[in-house]
Amino acid sequence: MKSSVIDGLKRWKDFSGRSNRSQFWWFYLFFLVTPLISILISLAFTQIFVILNLSTLSLLSIIFSFLYLLFVPAMLAVQVRRMHDVGKSGWFLLAPLYNFYLYVQPSFEKGRIPNWILAEKVALGCVGVLVISVIVNLFGGETDSLGGLGLWSVIYLLIRRKNKSNKKVED
């Protein structure tokens, strides 16, 4: 566990390479527990400062509750490396539920990361952007983007199907 967390923090700006399932889940657990610990520390300091009648200093203890935001880039890097480990592009983080499915998959063959076609990356990026726009629209507005989401999903699936058939011909 300790080595997974240290590796994740040391490689916080490395978006290439791989992180196996164990490394990913230990770092994910660390990422979930860190805010709880920082909030507890913040609450403890707030109570101590209020007891000592230093209420202006108690506002400074709120900083502890946001310290975990420093770990967000490291978590993104670990997630991208996990996608590489299962043989997918890091852009698959934009696919909300599918990326969780990929997190639990076993590692892809060692030393082999498939070459990604630009059209597939663009289509996946469009699907991710449209999913985000649907979520935004659910909270504040129109539902016109649902048709666009369906259209881009169909285009993405057609590109995937074509790529799979091309790979079979090459093998």
Foldseek 3Di string as FASTA:
>chain_A
DVVLCVVLVVCLPPLDAADFLVSLVVNVVVLVVQLVVLVVQLVVVLVVCVVVVNNVVNVVSVVSNVPSVVCVSSNLSNLSRLCQQQQHGSLCVLVPPVSVVSSPDGGDDPPDRDDDDPVLSVLSNQLSVLVVVCVVCVVPHDNVSVVVNVVSVVVNVVVVVVVVVVVVVVD
